[in-house]
Amino acid sequence: MGCAVPPARSRPQPGMELLSGALKKRATEQHYRAEVMIAGEQLRLRLHDGKLIKDRRYHLRTYPNCFVAKELTDWLIDHKEAPDRETGIRLMQKLMDHYIIHHVCDEHSDYKDAKLLYRFRKDDGTFPLSKDVKVFMRGQSLYEKLVSVEGSILKVREENSVKYQRAFLGCEMVEWLVQEGEAESRREAVELGQALLEHGIIQHVSNRHRFLDTDILYQFWINFRRRRRLTELLSENSSRALSESPDSPFCLRKLNPEPGNTSFLSVQPNKEIKVVSAVRRSSITSLAGNSNPYFSITPTLVFPPVAECNPKSVLKRPVTNEELLSPGAPYVKKTLTIVGDAVGWGFVVRGGRPCHIQAVDPGGPAAAAGMKVCQFVFSVNGMYVLHLDYQTISSLIMTGPRTLVMEIMEAIE
């Protein structure tokens, strides 16, 4: 997919002005609102799955699809989403402030840790479909469509020795939007790109330019596939909360060094129990509504978690590709077919050349398919990957189909 007569990157053309401070601030604010919406939707789906959201009867009246505030605060603490009740209250108040949840009768404007009924506005159709929300929804739709097609323009690209995830050229995006019928003309495509930029969904890689139909490099600032932790919502003024770790989303995630602040147990070969956090993929259906020209179809999104640390390898010693592939080596190759469930595949991959399985969620699809820690990743969906690092393998998995076919090599006991 080529770009028509791209200007030299070293000589900016007229109109490639530096973004104003006001526009940067607006984009950052819109980006934060988007993060709140995504985190809120992920929580809603988890609560439905855990049966905390259900029809409840109070004073001879039935309230559909609601939850008890006190029960939810307990749930947040039990599931390590909040360290204490005060933090849990602050988190839910944040969702109220952004019109994600509300009291079923709107009698309380704040979130009370009591036996009161609250409901997600998504569940009762009262979520406000403002222009900003519709642009956000359109961005979701385009992102998911882009990462789902073969030969996507979204790639890891390098500029000035810096690598950028989910990056694309402006002219490539314009051409793709027109070819896919997302815009009727290149001018309309540029207007759509600028709207996405102003709402913090995409950005110029060095945040210097508006959206232009040239060979300037942009990237999706929001990774819609990353699973959020609710505590991120309390870091509104922290750039770290809005940034994307360059590390693999398949590594361990440990936001708190205290034991127990994690999500599942994985038994390693020495039978020692380690607490780790799985790669889980949650699906959401975006909010209804298509009256805005920036929103066309209803997307389905997935959210793996972001990397937070570089955990110690579970391998007892380093293993080379030569050792794995040498004749008579004590390793056996197996093929695993892992069908992602509503919340993901449930495993962690680390290392490189070769990569290995660092952890497995005992209750996830990967464990059910026979995946174990210390296995080596031979191929992903038919692609030989022993020579690749875990960042590349992670990208292959994240952008691939929900049904994952992996060949692994494990030691013969």
Protein backbone atom coordinates (compact mmCIF):
# COMPACT_ATOMS: atom_id res chain seq x y z
CA MET A 1 0.00 0.00 0.00
CA GLY A 2 1.95 3.00 -1.22
CA CYS A 3 1.74 6.68 -0.45
CA ALA A 4 1.23 9.20 -3.22
CA VAL A 5 4.25 11.50 -3.66
CA PRO A 6 5.41 11.62 -0.04
CA PRO A 7 7.40 14.71 0.95
CA ALA A 8 10.89 14.31 2.34
CA ARG A 9 10.73 13.61 6.04
CA SER A 10 13.58 15.98 6.72
CA ARG A 11 11.78 18.97 5.19
CA PRO A 12 8.37 19.49 6.81
CA GLN A 13 5.80 20.95 4.44
CA PRO A 14 3.56 23.92 5.23
CA GLY A 15 0.90 23.01 7.76
CA MET A 16 3.15 20.61 9.70
CA GLU A 17 3.15 22.97 12.65
CA LEU A 18 4.04 21.90 16.16
CA LEU A 19 1.05 20.89 18.18
CA SER A 20 -0.09 23.58 20.56
CA GLY A 21 0.07 23.07 24.29
CA ALA A 22 -3.71 23.31 24.47
CA LEU A 23 -4.16 20.53 21.93
CA LYS A 24 -1.67 18.31 23.74
CA LYS A 25 -3.51 18.90 27.01
CA ARG A 26 -6.87 18.14 25.41
CA ALA A 27 -5.54 14.92 23.86
CA THR A 28 -4.11 13.82 27.21
CA GLU A 29 -7.42 14.51 28.95
CA GLN A 30 -9.36 12.64 26.28
CA HIS A 31 -6.90 9.75 26.50
CA TYR A 32 -7.47 9.51 30.24
CA ARG A 33 -11.25 9.49 29.77
CA ALA A 34 -10.81 6.69 27.26
CA GLU A 35 -8.77 4.69 29.77
CA VAL A 36 -11.55 5.13 32.35
CA MET A 37 -14.14 3.90 29.85
CA ILE A 38 -12.08 0.84 28.93
CA ALA A 39 -11.31 -0.03 32.55
CA GLY A 40 -14.96 0.43 33.48
CA GLU A 41 -16.13 -1.83 30.68
CA GLN A 42 -13.62 -4.50 31.61
CA LEU A 43 -14.87 -4.36 35.21
CA ARG A 44 -18.50 -4.57 34.09
CA LEU A 45 -17.84 -7.74 32.12
CA ARG A 46 -15.94 -9.33 35.00
CA LEU A 47 -18.78 -8.55 37.41
CA HIS A 48 -21.33 -10.05 35.03
CA ASP A 49 -19.15 -13.12 34.71
CA GLY A 50 -18.84 -13.36 38.50
CA LYS A 51 -22.62 -12.94 38.97
CA LEU A 52 -22.22 -9.81 41.11
CA ILE A 53 -24.39 -7.98 38.61
CA LYS A 54 -27.88 -9.44 38.60
CA ASP A 55 -31.54 -8.57 39.10
CA ARG A 56 -32.18 -7.62 42.71
CA ARG A 57 -35.37 -6.97 44.65
CA TYR A 58 -35.70 -4.12 47.13
CA HIS A 59 -38.87 -2.78 48.76
CA LEU A 60 -41.16 -4.84 46.51
CA ARG A 61 -39.42 -3.57 43.39
CA THR A 62 -37.01 -5.45 41.12
CA TYR A 63 -33.96 -3.60 39.85
CA PRO A 64 -32.34 -5.38 36.85
CA ASN A 65 -28.61 -5.69 36.30
CA CYS A 66 -27.38 -4.01 39.46
CA PHE A 67 -24.85 -4.64 42.22
CA VAL A 68 -24.62 -3.95 45.95
CA ALA A 69 -21.93 -1.37 46.70
CA LYS A 70 -20.67 -3.07 49.84
CA GLU A 71 -20.39 -6.43 48.04
CA LEU A 72 -18.47 -4.83 45.20
CA THR A 73 -16.01 -3.21 47.60
CA ASP A 74 -15.42 -6.65 49.13
CA TRP A 75 -14.91 -8.05 45.62
CA LEU A 76 -12.36 -5.37 44.70
CA ILE A 77 -10.28 -6.24 47.76
CA ASP A 78 -10.64 -10.01 47.30
CA HIS A 79 -9.55 -9.73 43.64
CA LYS A 80 -6.59 -7.45 44.45
CA GLU A 81 -8.07 -4.53 42.51
CA ALA A 82 -7.95 -2.37 45.64
CA PRO A 83 -5.69 -2.72 48.71
CA ASP A 84 -8.36 -1.43 51.10
CA ARG A 85 -11.93 -0.18 51.27
CA GLU A 86 -10.96 3.47 51.02
CA THR A 87 -9.18 2.87 47.72
CA GLY A 88 -12.11 0.79 46.47
CA ILE A 89 -14.48 3.66 47.21
CA ARG A 90 -12.21 6.12 45.39
CA LEU A 91 -12.08 3.83 42.37
CA MET A 92 -15.84 3.49 42.10
CA GLN A 93 -16.28 7.22 42.68
CA LYS A 94 -14.01 7.76 39.70
CA LEU A 95 -16.39 5.65 37.60
CA MET A 96 -19.34 7.65 38.89
CA ASP A 97 -17.62 10.92 38.04
CA HIS A 98 -17.18 9.70 34.46
CA TYR A 99 -20.81 8.53 34.14
CA ILE A 100 -19.87 4.85 34.02
CA ILE A 101 -22.02 3.82 37.02
CA HIS A 102 -24.81 5.47 39.01
CA HIS A 103 -27.21 4.80 41.87
CA VAL A 104 -30.23 2.93 40.52
CA CYS A 105 -32.59 5.74 41.57
CA ASP A 106 -30.01 8.53 41.24
CA GLU A 107 -30.59 9.40 44.88
CA HIS A 108 -26.88 9.45 45.66
CA SER A 109 -24.31 11.41 43.68
CA ASP A 110 -21.42 9.70 45.42
CA TYR A 111 -20.43 6.07 45.90
CA LYS A 112 -21.27 4.83 49.37
CA ASP A 113 -19.77 1.66 50.80
CA ALA A 114 -23.15 0.41 51.98
CA LYS A 115 -26.02 -1.89 51.03
CA LEU A 116 -27.10 0.41 48.22
CA LEU A 117 -27.82 -0.61 44.65
CA TYR A 118 -25.76 0.80 41.79
CA ARG A 119 -25.77 0.01 38.09
CA PHE A 120 -23.52 0.43 35.07
CA ARG A 121 -25.06 2.93 32.66
CA LYS A 122 -24.12 0.57 29.85
CA ASP A 123 -26.59 -1.94 31.34
CA ASP A 124 -29.56 0.41 31.48
CA GLY A 125 -28.93 2.47 28.35
CA THR A 126 -28.24 5.74 30.15
CA PHE A 127 -24.60 6.12 29.12
CA PRO A 128 -24.29 9.56 27.46
CA LEU A 129 -23.37 9.16 23.77
CA SER A 130 -21.58 12.46 23.33
CA LYS A 131 -19.50 13.34 20.29
CA ASP A 132 -16.35 12.48 22.25
CA VAL A 133 -17.68 9.02 23.09
CA LYS A 134 -18.63 8.37 19.49
CA VAL A 135 -15.17 9.36 18.25
CA PHE A 136 -13.69 7.04 20.86
CA MET A 137 -15.96 4.22 19.67
CA ARG A 138 -14.94 4.85 16.08
CA GLY A 139 -11.31 4.64 17.13
CA GLN A 140 -12.01 1.28 18.79
CA SER A 141 -13.63 0.01 15.64
CA LEU A 142 -10.78 1.09 13.37
CA TYR A 143 -8.11 -0.29 15.70
CA GLU A 144 -9.69 -3.71 15.93
CA LYS A 145 -10.24 -3.83 12.18
CA LEU A 146 -6.61 -2.89 11.55
CA VAL A 147 -5.07 -5.46 13.89
CA SER A 148 -7.34 -8.19 12.53
CA VAL A 149 -6.38 -7.95 8.84
CA GLU A 150 -3.46 -9.72 7.23
CA GLY A 151 -0.68 -7.38 6.18
CA SER A 152 -1.93 -4.59 8.44
CA ILE A 153 -0.37 -1.15 8.14
CA LEU A 154 0.05 -1.21 11.94
CA LYS A 155 3.59 -2.40 12.53
CA VAL A 156 6.58 -1.95 14.77
CA ARG A 157 8.41 0.86 12.98
CA GLU A 158 11.65 2.64 13.69
CA GLU A 159 12.48 6.30 13.43
CA ASN A 160 15.69 7.94 14.65
CA SER A 161 16.73 4.62 16.25
CA VAL A 162 13.52 4.49 18.30
CA LYS A 163 10.98 1.68 17.78
CA TYR A 164 7.26 2.46 17.95
CA GLN A 165 4.50 -0.09 18.50
CA ARG A 166 1.25 0.06 16.46
CA ALA A 167 2.79 2.62 14.08
CA PHE A 168 1.72 3.69 10.58
CA LEU A 169 2.37 6.41 8.01
CA GLY A 170 -0.26 9.10 7.69
CA CYS A 171 -0.65 8.57 3.94
CA GLU A 172 -1.01 4.81 4.46
CA MET A 173 -3.83 5.35 6.93
CA VAL A 174 -5.58 7.77 4.57
CA GLU A 175 -5.36 5.31 1.69
CA TRP A 176 -6.58 2.43 3.87
CA LEU A 177 -9.56 4.43 5.16
CA VAL A 178 -10.63 5.27 1.61
CA GLN A 179 -10.10 1.74 0.28
CA GLU A 180 -12.08 0.20 3.16
CA GLY A 181 -14.96 2.63 2.73
CA GLU A 182 -14.30 4.23 6.12
CA ALA A 183 -14.00 7.60 4.39
CA GLU A 184 -15.37 8.80 1.07
CA SER A 185 -12.33 10.88 0.17
CA ARG A 186 -8.78 11.53 1.29
CA ARG A 187 -9.91 14.83 2.74
CA GLU A 188 -12.54 13.11 4.87
CA ALA A 189 -9.93 10.55 5.93
CA VAL A 190 -7.62 13.33 7.09
CA GLU A 191 -10.47 14.91 9.09
CA LEU A 192 -11.13 11.56 10.74
CA GLY A 193 -7.42 11.10 11.52
CA GLN A 194 -7.27 14.57 13.07
CA ALA A 195 -10.33 13.81 15.21
CA LEU A 196 -8.66 10.63 16.47
CA LEU A 197 -5.51 12.61 17.25
CA GLU A 198 -7.38 15.33 19.12
CA HIS A 199 -9.09 12.67 21.22
CA GLY A 200 -5.81 11.07 22.24
CA ILE A 201 -6.42 7.85 20.27
CA ILE A 202 -3.52 8.32 17.86
CA GLN A 203 -0.53 10.65 17.96
CA HIS A 204 2.48 11.69 15.96
CA VAL A 205 5.36 9.61 17.33
CA SER A 206 7.14 12.68 18.67
CA ASN A 207 3.91 14.63 19.24
CA ARG A 208 4.92 17.39 16.84
CA HIS A 209 2.37 17.31 14.02
CA ARG A 210 -1.31 17.24 13.33
CA PHE A 211 -2.63 14.38 11.23
CA LEU A 212 -1.44 14.83 7.65
CA ASP A 213 -1.66 12.86 4.42
CA THR A 214 2.13 12.41 4.18
CA ASP A 215 4.81 9.90 5.12
CA ILE A 216 4.97 11.17 8.70
CA LEU A 217 4.93 8.41 11.31
CA TYR A 218 2.00 8.10 13.72
CA GLN A 219 0.94 5.44 16.18
CA PHE A 220 -2.15 4.38 18.12
CA TRP A 221 -1.54 5.89 21.52
CA ILE A 222 -4.19 3.65 23.07
CA ASN A 223 -3.62 -0.09 23.02
CA PHE A 224 -7.22 -1.27 23.21
CA ARG A 225 -6.05 -4.84 23.77
CA ARG A 226 -4.30 -4.16 27.05
CA ARG A 227 -6.06 -5.21 30.20
CA ARG A 228 -6.20 -2.38 32.72
CA ARG A 229 -5.89 -2.42 36.49
CA LEU A 230 -8.41 -0.20 38.22
CA THR A 231 -5.73 1.44 40.34
CA GLU A 232 -4.42 3.07 37.15
CA LEU A 233 -7.49 5.32 37.26
CA LEU A 234 -6.12 7.03 40.35
CA SER A 235 -3.02 8.17 38.45
CA GLU A 236 -4.75 10.80 36.34
CA ASN A 237 -1.79 13.15 36.48
CA SER A 238 0.81 10.47 35.93
CA SER A 239 2.17 10.10 32.41
CA ARG A 240 3.15 6.54 33.35
CA ALA A 241 -0.51 5.63 33.71
CA LEU A 242 -1.13 6.68 30.12
CA SER A 243 2.07 5.38 28.60
CA GLU A 244 2.61 2.06 26.91
CA SER A 245 5.40 -0.12 28.23
CA PRO A 246 7.68 -1.27 25.40
CA ASP A 247 7.99 -4.57 27.21
CA SER A 248 6.00 -7.65 26.34
CA PRO A 249 2.40 -7.88 27.55
CA PHE A 250 3.16 -11.54 28.23
CA CYS A 251 5.53 -10.99 31.14
CA LEU A 252 4.70 -11.10 34.81
CA ARG A 253 2.82 -8.17 36.18
CA LYS A 254 3.63 -7.14 39.72
CA LEU A 255 2.50 -3.67 40.71
CA ASN A 256 3.02 -4.31 44.40
CA PRO A 257 6.03 -6.20 45.79
CA GLU A 258 3.94 -7.60 48.60
CA PRO A 259 3.00 -11.28 48.11
CA GLY A 260 -0.58 -11.89 47.20
CA ASN A 261 -1.17 -8.74 45.18
CA THR A 262 -1.54 -10.78 42.03
CA SER A 263 -4.03 -12.95 40.24
CA PHE A 264 -3.25 -16.64 40.01
CA LEU A 265 -1.01 -19.45 41.23
CA SER A 266 1.38 -21.33 38.99
CA VAL A 267 3.16 -24.48 40.09
CA GLN A 268 6.75 -24.59 38.88
CA PRO A 269 8.82 -27.77 38.37
CA ASN A 270 10.16 -27.74 41.93
CA LYS A 271 6.54 -27.64 43.17
CA GLU A 272 7.13 -24.31 44.88
CA ILE A 273 4.05 -22.13 44.63
CA LYS A 274 4.65 -18.78 43.01
CA VAL A 275 2.03 -16.08 42.71
CA VAL A 276 1.96 -14.63 39.20
CA SER A 277 -0.40 -12.82 36.87
CA ALA A 278 -1.75 -14.29 33.66
CA VAL A 279 -2.20 -12.97 30.18
CA ARG A 280 -5.97 -12.73 30.00
CA ARG A 281 -7.94 -11.44 27.06
CA SER A 282 -11.28 -9.81 27.76
CA SER A 283 -13.81 -9.04 25.08
CA ILE A 284 -16.23 -6.15 25.13
CA THR A 285 -18.88 -4.97 22.78
CA SER A 286 -18.72 -1.23 22.37
CA LEU A 287 -21.53 1.08 23.22
CA ALA A 288 -24.49 1.22 20.86
CA GLY A 289 -25.06 4.10 18.53
CA ASN A 290 -23.96 4.98 15.00
CA SER A 291 -25.35 8.41 14.30
CA ASN A 292 -21.92 10.04 14.29
CA PRO A 293 -19.93 9.97 11.04
CA TYR A 294 -16.87 8.84 12.98
CA PHE A 295 -18.53 5.58 14.06
CA SER A 296 -19.61 2.90 11.65
CA ILE A 297 -19.57 -0.64 13.06
CA THR A 298 -19.73 -2.31 16.45
CA PRO A 299 -16.26 -3.58 17.35
CA THR A 300 -15.22 -6.42 19.59
CA LEU A 301 -12.10 -5.67 21.57
CA VAL A 302 -9.55 -7.64 23.55
CA PHE A 303 -7.31 -6.50 26.35
CA PRO A 304 -4.08 -8.25 27.36
CA PRO A 305 -2.27 -6.68 30.31
CA VAL A 306 0.73 -4.42 30.10
CA ALA A 307 4.15 -5.53 31.23
CA GLU A 308 5.32 -4.18 34.57
CA CYS A 309 8.52 -5.99 35.42
CA ASN A 310 11.27 -8.33 34.31
CA PRO A 311 10.66 -11.46 36.38
CA LYS A 312 13.25 -14.08 37.22
CA SER A 313 13.20 -16.92 34.71
CA VAL A 314 11.69 -20.23 35.79
CA LEU A 315 14.36 -22.07 33.81
CA LYS A 316 16.96 -23.86 35.90
CA ARG A 317 19.62 -23.00 33.28
CA PRO A 318 19.77 -21.33 29.85
CA VAL A 319 18.99 -23.54 26.85
CA THR A 320 20.14 -22.81 23.28
CA ASN A 321 18.39 -23.58 20.00
CA GLU A 322 21.29 -25.85 19.07
CA GLU A 323 20.69 -27.88 22.21
CA LEU A 324 16.94 -28.14 21.53
CA LEU A 325 17.39 -29.23 17.92
CA SER A 326 20.43 -31.48 18.22
CA PRO A 327 19.84 -35.18 17.32
CA GLY A 328 18.92 -37.24 20.35
CA ALA A 329 18.18 -34.20 22.51
CA PRO A 330 15.91 -35.01 25.48
CA TYR A 331 13.04 -32.88 24.22
CA VAL A 332 9.71 -33.81 22.63
CA LYS A 333 7.61 -31.57 20.38
CA LYS A 334 3.87 -31.19 21.03
CA THR A 335 1.11 -29.26 19.27
CA LEU A 336 -1.31 -27.31 21.48
CA THR A 337 -4.56 -25.79 20.25
CA ILE A 338 -5.64 -23.08 22.67
CA VAL A 339 -9.09 -21.60 22.21
CA GLY A 340 -9.27 -18.26 23.99
CA ASP A 341 -12.19 -17.95 26.38
CA ALA A 342 -14.05 -14.78 27.33
CA VAL A 343 -11.01 -13.46 29.18
CA GLY A 344 -8.07 -14.80 27.26
CA TRP A 345 -5.51 -17.58 26.80
CA GLY A 346 -3.98 -17.58 30.28
CA PHE A 347 -0.20 -17.89 29.97
CA VAL A 348 3.02 -15.90 30.16
CA VAL A 349 5.88 -16.13 27.65
CA ARG A 350 9.37 -14.78 28.32
CA GLY A 351 12.96 -15.02 27.19
CA GLY A 352 14.19 -15.20 23.64
CA ARG A 353 15.95 -17.42 21.12
CA PRO A 354 14.29 -19.63 22.32
CA CYS A 355 11.35 -18.23 24.29
CA HIS A 356 9.84 -20.25 27.11
CA ILE A 357 6.59 -20.45 29.04
CA GLN A 358 7.11 -18.49 32.23
CA ALA A 359 3.75 -19.16 33.89
CA VAL A 360 0.37 -20.74 33.21
CA ASP A 361 -3.01 -19.88 34.70
CA PRO A 362 -4.23 -23.21 36.16
CA GLY A 363 -7.82 -22.30 35.30
CA GLY A 364 -7.18 -20.91 31.82
CA PRO A 365 -7.41 -22.33 28.29
CA ALA A 366 -3.63 -22.81 27.97
CA ALA A 367 -3.51 -25.12 30.99
CA ALA A 368 -6.50 -27.06 29.65
CA ALA A 369 -4.62 -27.57 26.36
CA GLY A 370 -1.61 -29.00 28.17
CA MET A 371 0.69 -26.00 28.43
CA LYS A 372 3.21 -26.05 31.28
CA VAL A 373 5.95 -23.78 32.56
CA CYS A 374 9.45 -24.29 31.10
CA GLN A 375 8.16 -25.44 27.71
CA PHE A 376 9.87 -23.78 24.73
CA VAL A 377 7.87 -22.09 21.96
CA PHE A 378 8.72 -23.71 18.60
CA SER A 379 6.00 -22.19 16.37
CA VAL A 380 2.97 -19.90 16.57
CA ASN A 381 0.13 -20.43 14.10
CA GLY A 382 2.48 -22.27 11.75
CA MET A 383 5.33 -19.75 11.96
CA TYR A 384 8.73 -20.97 13.19
CA VAL A 385 9.73 -18.75 16.12
CA LEU A 386 12.70 -20.33 17.89
CA HIS A 387 14.88 -17.49 16.56
CA LEU A 388 12.56 -14.70 17.74
CA ASP A 389 12.45 -12.73 20.98
CA TYR A 390 9.42 -12.64 23.23
CA GLN A 391 8.33 -9.15 22.08
CA THR A 392 7.93 -10.42 18.52
CA ILE A 393 6.18 -13.61 19.62
CA SER A 394 3.86 -11.56 21.82
CA SER A 395 2.93 -9.41 18.82
CA LEU A 396 2.21 -12.51 16.74
CA ILE A 397 -0.10 -13.88 19.41
CA MET A 398 -1.85 -10.59 20.16
CA THR A 399 -2.64 -9.85 16.52
CA GLY A 400 -3.54 -13.42 15.62
CA PRO A 401 -6.81 -15.35 15.82
CA ARG A 402 -8.56 -16.31 19.05
CA THR A 403 -7.78 -19.97 18.34
CA LEU A 404 -4.04 -20.23 18.88
CA VAL A 405 -2.04 -23.18 17.52
CA MET A 406 1.38 -23.50 19.15
CA GLU A 407 4.11 -26.08 18.83
CA ILE A 408 6.11 -26.41 22.02
CA MET A 409 9.12 -28.43 23.06
CA GLU A 410 9.34 -29.84 26.55
CA ALA A 411 11.98 -31.85 28.36
CA ILE A 412 11.47 -35.59 28.57
CA GLU A 413 11.14 -36.53 32.22
